[in-house]
Amino acid sequence: MRPDSTSPIHWRTSAHSVANGTCVEIARLAGPIGPAIGVRDSTHGGNGPMLTFHPTEWRAFTARARAGGFDLA
């Protein structure tokens, strides 16, 4: 899904990001088939690839991350 080119994209960085800029940014996107969440690596300066997720998928992912579902130890 591509974002609607007429809508500005407002990228947000986590408050837990480190000062050297190696973090993930997210944005709400409007698209031709409905809303989406865009995710990108900030180290590419906005020129790298972007993943898109349906809002339901994003909520499930963040809920699992908060619950420790991706912890290695």
PDB file of N, CA and C in Angstrom:
ATOM      1  N   MET A   1       0.847  -1.183   0.000  1.00  0.00           N
ATOM      2  CA  MET A   1       0.000   0.000   0.000  1.00  0.00           C
ATOM      3  C   MET A   1       0.881   1.231   0.000  1.00  0.00           C
ATOM      4  N   ARG A   2       0.578   2.165  -0.827  1.00  0.00           N
ATOM      5  CA  ARG A   2       1.303   3.420  -0.860  1.00  0.00           C
ATOM      6  C   ARG A   2       0.492   4.491  -0.135  1.00  0.00           C
ATOM      7  N   PRO A   3       1.183   5.370   0.597  1.00  0.00           N
ATOM      8  CA  PRO A   3       0.449   6.460   1.247  1.00  0.00           C
ATOM      9  C   PRO A   3      -0.133   7.411   0.217  1.00  0.00           C
ATOM     10  N   ASP A   4      -1.208   8.050   0.589  1.00  0.00           N
ATOM     11  CA  ASP A   4      -1.825   9.069  -0.254  1.00  0.00           C
ATOM     12  C   ASP A   4      -0.836  10.217  -0.411  1.00  0.00           C
ATOM     13  N   SER A   5      -0.437  10.526  -1.641  1.00  0.00           N
ATOM     14  CA  SER A   5       0.603  11.527  -1.868  1.00  0.00           C
ATOM     15  C   SER A   5       0.152  12.944  -1.523  1.00  0.00           C
ATOM     16  N   THR A   6      -1.140  13.167  -1.336  1.00  0.00           N
ATOM     17  CA  THR A   6      -1.611  14.510  -1.002  1.00  0.00           C
ATOM     18  C   THR A   6      -1.608  14.758   0.503  1.00  0.00           C
ATOM     19  N   SER A   7      -1.461  13.718   1.290  1.00  0.00           N
ATOM     20  CA  SER A   7      -1.456  13.856   2.746  1.00  0.00           C
ATOM     21  C   SER A   7      -0.028  13.869   3.274  1.00  0.00           C
ATOM     22  N   PRO A   8       0.304  14.855   4.122  1.00  0.00           N
ATOM     23  CA  PRO A   8       1.647  14.851   4.699  1.00  0.00           C
ATOM     24  C   PRO A   8       1.802  13.678   5.671  1.00  0.00           C
ATOM     25  N   ILE A   9       2.986  13.119   5.717  1.00  0.00           N
ATOM     26  CA  ILE A   9       3.261  12.014   6.634  1.00  0.00           C
ATOM     27  C   ILE A   9       4.024  12.577   7.824  1.00  0.00           C
ATOM     28  N   HIS A  10       3.523  12.334   9.014  1.00  0.00           N
ATOM     29  CA  HIS A  10       4.151  12.810  10.245  1.00  0.00           C
ATOM     30  C   HIS A  10       4.764  11.614  10.957  1.00  0.00           C
ATOM     31  N   TRP A  11       6.069  11.452  10.806  1.00  0.00           N
ATOM     32  CA  TRP A  11       6.790  10.336  11.408  1.00  0.00           C
ATOM     33  C   TRP A  11       7.053  10.627  12.874  1.00  0.00           C
ATOM     34  N   ARG A  12       6.927   9.576  13.697  1.00  0.00           N
ATOM     35  CA  ARG A  12       7.192   9.689  15.134  1.00  0.00           C
ATOM     36  C   ARG A  12       8.290   8.698  15.508  1.00  0.00           C
ATOM     37  N   THR A  13       9.121   9.111  16.442  1.00  0.00           N
ATOM     38  CA  THR A  13      10.192   8.266  16.952  1.00  0.00           C
ATOM     39  C   THR A  13       9.882   7.939  18.403  1.00  0.00           C
ATOM     40  N   SER A  14      10.172   6.737  18.815  1.00  0.00           N
ATOM     41  CA  SER A  14       9.915   6.307  20.183  1.00  0.00           C
ATOM     42  C   SER A  14      10.704   7.145  21.184  1.00  0.00           C
ATOM     43  N   ALA A  15      10.110   7.370  22.330  1.00  0.00           N
ATOM     44  CA  ALA A  15      10.805   8.061  23.416  1.00  0.00           C
ATOM     45  C   ALA A  15      11.957   7.212  23.945  1.00  0.00           C
ATOM     46  N   HIS A  16      11.972   5.929  23.611  1.00  0.00           N
ATOM     47  CA  HIS A  16      13.027   5.022  24.056  1.00  0.00           C
ATOM     48  C   HIS A  16      14.189   4.958  23.064  1.00  0.00           C
ATOM     49  N   SER A  17      14.140   5.738  22.014  1.00  0.00           N
ATOM     50  CA  SER A  17      15.195   5.738  21.003  1.00  0.00           C
ATOM     51  C   SER A  17      16.484   6.297  21.584  1.00  0.00           C
ATOM     52  N   VAL A  18      17.593   5.837  21.045  1.00  0.00           N
ATOM     53  CA  VAL A  18      18.882   6.334  21.507  1.00  0.00           C
ATOM     54  C   VAL A  18      19.253   7.593  20.726  1.00  0.00           C
ATOM     55  N   ALA A  19      20.130   8.384  21.301  1.00  0.00           N
ATOM     56  CA  ALA A  19      20.469   9.690  20.725  1.00  0.00           C
ATOM     57  C   ALA A  19      21.242   9.599  19.411  1.00  0.00           C
ATOM     58  N   ASN A  20      21.810   8.452  19.076  1.00  0.00           N
ATOM     59  CA  ASN A  20      22.607   8.371  17.852  1.00  0.00           C
ATOM     60  C   ASN A  20      21.762   8.161  16.603  1.00  0.00           C
ATOM     61  N   GLY A  21      20.441   8.148  16.735  1.00  0.00           N
ATOM     62  CA  GLY A  21      19.566   8.092  15.577  1.00  0.00           C
ATOM     63  C   GLY A  21      19.258   6.705  15.052  1.00  0.00           C
ATOM     64  N   THR A  22      19.695   5.677  15.741  1.00  0.00           N
ATOM     65  CA  THR A  22      19.400   4.313  15.291  1.00  0.00           C
ATOM     66  C   THR A  22      18.097   3.852  15.923  1.00  0.00           C
ATOM     67  N   CYS A  23      17.022   4.168  15.261  1.00  0.00           N
ATOM     68  CA  CYS A  23      15.721   3.835  15.811  1.00  0.00           C
ATOM     69  C   CYS A  23      14.720   3.572  14.693  1.00  0.00           C
ATOM     70  N   VAL A  24      13.541   3.230  15.102  1.00  0.00           N
ATOM     71  CA  VAL A  24      12.439   2.973  14.184  1.00  0.00           C
ATOM     72  C   VAL A  24      11.452   4.120  14.297  1.00  0.00           C
ATOM     73  N   GLU A  25      10.904   4.535  13.168  1.00  0.00           N
ATOM     74  CA  GLU A  25       9.888   5.587  13.151  1.00  0.00           C
ATOM     75  C   GLU A  25       8.583   4.997  12.646  1.00  0.00           C
ATOM     76  N   ILE A  26       7.468   5.530  13.146  1.00  0.00           N
ATOM     77  CA  ILE A  26       6.159   5.083  12.689  1.00  0.00           C
ATOM     78  C   ILE A  26       5.322   6.289  12.276  1.00  0.00           C
ATOM     79  N   ALA A  27       4.337   6.029  11.409  1.00  0.00           N
ATOM     80  CA  ALA A  27       3.429   7.088  10.964  1.00  0.00           C
ATOM     81  C   ALA A  27       2.088   6.477  10.598  1.00  0.00           C
ATOM     82  N   ARG A  28       1.033   7.237  10.804  1.00  0.00           N
ATOM     83  CA  ARG A  28      -0.285   6.839  10.311  1.00  0.00           C
ATOM     84  C   ARG A  28      -0.373   7.263   8.861  1.00  0.00           C
ATOM     85  N   LEU A  29      -0.849   6.347   8.021  1.00  0.00           N
ATOM     86  CA  LEU A  29      -0.924   6.604   6.592  1.00  0.00           C
ATOM     87  C   LEU A  29      -2.355   6.484   6.097  1.00  0.00           C
ATOM     88  N   ALA A  30      -2.696   7.269   5.108  1.00  0.00           N
ATOM     89  CA  ALA A  30      -3.961   7.121   4.398  1.00  0.00           C
ATOM     90  C   ALA A  30      -3.624   6.466   3.067  1.00  0.00           C
ATOM     91  N   GLY A  31      -4.400   5.499   2.661  1.00  0.00           N
ATOM     92  CA  GLY A  31      -4.096   4.817   1.415  1.00  0.00           C
ATOM     93  C   GLY A  31      -5.348   4.513   0.625  1.00  0.00           C
ATOM     94  N   PRO A  32      -5.180   3.968  -0.558  1.00  0.00           N
ATOM     95  CA  PRO A  32      -6.324   3.695  -1.431  1.00  0.00           C
ATOM     96  C   PRO A  32      -7.271   2.629  -0.896  1.00  0.00           C
ATOM     97  N   ILE A  33      -6.769   1.758  -0.016  1.00  0.00           N
ATOM     98  CA  ILE A  33      -7.663   0.724   0.534  1.00  0.00           C
ATOM     99  C   ILE A  33      -7.897   0.898   2.026  1.00  0.00           C
ATOM    100  N   GLY A  34      -7.584   2.049   2.561  1.00  0.00           N
ATOM    101  CA  GLY A  34      -7.849   2.336   3.959  1.00  0.00           C
ATOM    102  C   GLY A  34      -6.602   2.745   4.720  1.00  0.00           C
ATOM    103  N   PRO A  35      -6.753   2.959   6.020  1.00  0.00           N
ATOM    104  CA  PRO A  35      -5.629   3.421   6.829  1.00  0.00           C
ATOM    105  C   PRO A  35      -4.584   2.321   7.012  1.00  0.00           C
ATOM    106  N   ALA A  36      -3.372   2.752   7.311  1.00  0.00           N
ATOM    107  CA  ALA A  36      -2.283   1.820   7.569  1.00  0.00           C
ATOM    108  C   ALA A  36      -1.288   2.485   8.514  1.00  0.00           C
ATOM    109  N   ILE A  37      -0.385   1.676   9.046  1.00  0.00           N
ATOM    110  CA  ILE A  37       0.718   2.159   9.861  1.00  0.00           C
ATOM    111  C   ILE A  37       1.996   1.923   9.074  1.00  0.00           C
ATOM    112  N   GLY A  38       2.774   2.982   8.878  1.00  0.00           N
ATOM    113  CA  GLY A  38       4.060   2.863   8.186  1.00  0.00           C
ATOM    114  C   GLY A  38       5.171   2.758   9.204  1.00  0.00           C
ATOM    115  N   VAL A  39       6.155   1.920   8.920  1.00  0.00           N
ATOM    116  CA  VAL A  39       7.301   1.718   9.807  1.00  0.00           C
ATOM    117  C   VAL A  39       8.564   1.807   8.957  1.00  0.00           C
ATOM    118  N   ARG A  40       9.554   2.569   9.426  1.00  0.00           N
ATOM    119  CA  ARG A  40      10.813   2.685   8.700  1.00  0.00           C
ATOM    120  C   ARG A  40      11.985   2.807   9.670  1.00  0.00           C
ATOM    121  N   ASP A  41      13.165   2.545   9.154  1.00  0.00           N
ATOM    122  CA  ASP A  41      14.418   2.666   9.898  1.00  0.00           C
ATOM    123  C   ASP A  41      14.914   4.096   9.726  1.00  0.00           C
ATOM    124  N   SER A  42      15.116   4.804  10.817  1.00  0.00           N
ATOM    125  CA  SER A  42      15.504   6.208  10.731  1.00  0.00           C
ATOM    126  C   SER A  42      16.926   6.409  10.221  1.00  0.00           C
ATOM    127  N   THR A  43      17.751   5.367  10.215  1.00  0.00           N
ATOM    128  CA  THR A  43      19.135   5.535   9.781  1.00  0.00           C
ATOM    129  C   THR A  43      19.246   5.795   8.283  1.00  0.00           C
ATOM    130  N   HIS A  44      18.177   5.593   7.534  1.00  0.00           N
ATOM    131  CA  HIS A  44      18.198   5.845   6.095  1.00  0.00           C
ATOM    132  C   HIS A  44      17.770   7.275   5.751  1.00  0.00           C
ATOM    133  N   GLY A  45      17.520   8.086   6.737  1.00  0.00           N
ATOM    134  CA  GLY A  45      17.162   9.484   6.500  1.00  0.00           C
ATOM    135  C   GLY A  45      15.880   9.679   5.715  1.00  0.00           C
ATOM    136  N   GLY A  46      14.950   8.753   5.851  1.00  0.00           N
ATOM    137  CA  GLY A  46      13.682   8.874   5.145  1.00  0.00           C
ATOM    138  C   GLY A  46      13.706   8.342   3.727  1.00  0.00           C
ATOM    139  N   ASN A  47      14.845   7.804   3.284  1.00  0.00           N
ATOM    140  CA  ASN A  47      14.960   7.319   1.908  1.00  0.00           C
ATOM    141  C   ASN A  47      14.938   5.798   1.799  1.00  0.00           C
ATOM    142  N   GLY A  48      14.844   5.117   2.905  1.00  0.00           N
ATOM    143  CA  GLY A  48      14.862   3.664   2.883  1.00  0.00           C
ATOM    144  C   GLY A  48      13.474   3.076   2.692  1.00  0.00           C
ATOM    145  N   PRO A  49      13.401   1.763   2.741  1.00  0.00           N
ATOM    146  CA  PRO A  49      12.110   1.091   2.570  1.00  0.00           C
ATOM    147  C   PRO A  49      11.172   1.343   3.745  1.00  0.00           C
ATOM    148  N   MET A  50       9.901   1.179   3.477  1.00  0.00           N
ATOM    149  CA  MET A  50       8.878   1.349   4.507  1.00  0.00           C
ATOM    150  C   MET A  50       8.001   0.096   4.515  1.00  0.00           C
ATOM    151  N   LEU A  51       7.765  -0.435   5.693  1.00  0.00           N
ATOM    152  CA  LEU A  51       6.810  -1.524   5.853  1.00  0.00           C
ATOM    153  C   LEU A  51       5.460  -0.924   6.200  1.00  0.00           C
ATOM    154  N   THR A  52       4.382  -1.540   5.757  1.00  0.00           N
ATOM    155  CA  THR A  52       3.044  -1.067   6.123  1.00  0.00           C
ATOM    156  C   THR A  52       2.263  -2.193   6.764  1.00  0.00           C
ATOM    157  N   PHE A  53       1.473  -1.823   7.759  1.00  0.00           N
ATOM    158  CA  PHE A  53       0.658  -2.775   8.496  1.00  0.00           C
ATOM    159  C   PHE A  53      -0.759  -2.238   8.642  1.00  0.00           C
ATOM    160  N   HIS A  54      -1.714  -3.121   8.655  1.00  0.00           N
ATOM    161  CA  HIS A  54      -3.088  -2.746   8.987  1.00  0.00           C
ATOM    162  C   HIS A  54      -3.086  -2.362  10.466  1.00  0.00           C
ATOM    163  N   PRO A  55      -3.892  -1.396  10.872  1.00  0.00           N
ATOM    164  CA  PRO A  55      -3.911  -0.993  12.284  1.00  0.00           C
ATOM    165  C   PRO A  55      -4.153  -2.153  13.255  1.00  0.00           C
ATOM    166  N   THR A  56      -4.962  -3.130  12.869  1.00  0.00           N
ATOM    167  CA  THR A  56      -5.198  -4.285  13.743  1.00  0.00           C
ATOM    168  C   THR A  56      -3.920  -5.101  13.917  1.00  0.00           C
ATOM    169  N   GLU A  57      -3.165  -5.276  12.846  1.00  0.00           N
ATOM    170  CA  GLU A  57      -1.887  -5.999  12.934  1.00  0.00           C
ATOM    171  C   GLU A  57      -0.910  -5.246  13.829  1.00  0.00           C
ATOM    172  N   TRP A  58      -0.865  -3.924  13.687  1.00  0.00           N
ATOM    173  CA  TRP A  58       0.056  -3.116  14.481  1.00  0.00           C
ATOM    174  C   TRP A  58      -0.302  -3.195  15.966  1.00  0.00           C
ATOM    175  N   ARG A  59      -1.581  -3.125  16.298  1.00  0.00           N
ATOM    176  CA  ARG A  59      -1.995  -3.233  17.704  1.00  0.00           C
ATOM    177  C   ARG A  59      -1.614  -4.591  18.280  1.00  0.00           C
ATOM    178  N   ALA A  60      -1.789  -5.664  17.514  1.00  0.00           N
ATOM    179  CA  ALA A  60      -1.421  -7.001  17.984  1.00  0.00           C
ATOM    180  C   ALA A  60       0.092  -7.094  18.217  1.00  0.00           C
ATOM    181  N   PHE A  61       0.875  -6.548  17.293  1.00  0.00           N
ATOM    182  CA  PHE A  61       2.327  -6.560  17.435  1.00  0.00           C
ATOM    183  C   PHE A  61       2.767  -5.799  18.685  1.00  0.00           C
ATOM    184  N   THR A  62       2.270  -4.568  18.859  1.00  0.00           N
ATOM    185  CA  THR A  62       2.702  -3.771  20.004  1.00  0.00           C
ATOM    186  C   THR A  62       2.231  -4.375  21.322  1.00  0.00           C
ATOM    187  N   ALA A  63       1.065  -4.987  21.343  1.00  0.00           N
ATOM    188  CA  ALA A  63       0.593  -5.650  22.568  1.00  0.00           C
ATOM    189  C   ALA A  63       1.515  -6.813  22.937  1.00  0.00           C
ATOM    190  N   ARG A  64       1.912  -7.602  21.936  1.00  0.00           N
ATOM    191  CA  ARG A  64       2.813  -8.726  22.198  1.00  0.00           C
ATOM    192  C   ARG A  64       4.179  -8.229  22.656  1.00  0.00           C
ATOM    193  N   ALA A  65       4.676  -7.148  22.040  1.00  0.00           N
ATOM    194  CA  ALA A  65       5.970  -6.598  22.440  1.00  0.00           C
ATOM    195  C   ALA A  65       5.925  -6.097  23.875  1.00  0.00           C
ATOM    196  N   ARG A  66       4.857  -5.411  24.250  1.00  0.00           N
ATOM    197  CA  ARG A  66       4.718  -4.908  25.621  1.00  0.00           C
ATOM    198  C   ARG A  66       4.641  -6.049  26.638  1.00  0.00           C
ATOM    199  N   ALA A  67       4.075  -7.169  26.224  1.00  0.00           N
ATOM    200  CA  ALA A  67       3.932  -8.322  27.120  1.00  0.00           C
ATOM    201  C   ALA A  67       5.194  -9.174  27.181  1.00  0.00           C
ATOM    202  N   GLY A  68       6.248  -8.785  26.445  1.00  0.00           N
ATOM    203  CA  GLY A  68       7.499  -9.531  26.468  1.00  0.00           C
ATOM    204  C   GLY A  68       7.530 -10.702  25.500  1.00  0.00           C
ATOM    205  N   GLY A  69       6.611 -10.742  24.566  1.00  0.00           N
ATOM    206  CA  GLY A  69       6.506 -11.865  23.643  1.00  0.00           C
ATOM    207  C   GLY A  69       7.670 -12.037  22.691  1.00  0.00           C
ATOM    208  N   PHE A  70       8.541 -11.036  22.591  1.00  0.00           N
ATOM    209  CA  PHE A  70       9.692 -11.139  21.698  1.00  0.00           C
ATOM    210  C   PHE A  70      11.016 -11.149  22.475  1.00  0.00           C
ATOM    211  N   ASP A  71      10.946 -11.190  23.802  1.00  0.00           N
ATOM    212  CA  ASP A  71      12.161 -11.208  24.617  1.00  0.00           C
ATOM    213  C   ASP A  71      12.925 -12.504  24.389  1.00  0.00           C
ATOM    214  N   LEU A  72      14.229 -12.413  24.299  1.00  0.00           N
ATOM    215  CA  LEU A  72      15.057 -13.582  24.059  1.00  0.00           C
ATOM    216  C   LEU A  72      15.328 -14.386  25.316  1.00  0.00           C
ATOM    217  N   ALA A  73      15.370 -13.735  26.424  1.00  0.00           N
ATOM    218  CA  ALA A  73      15.712 -14.437  27.679  1.00  0.00           C
ATOM    219  C   ALA A  73      14.489 -14.829  28.456  1.00  0.00           C
TER     220      ALA A  73
END
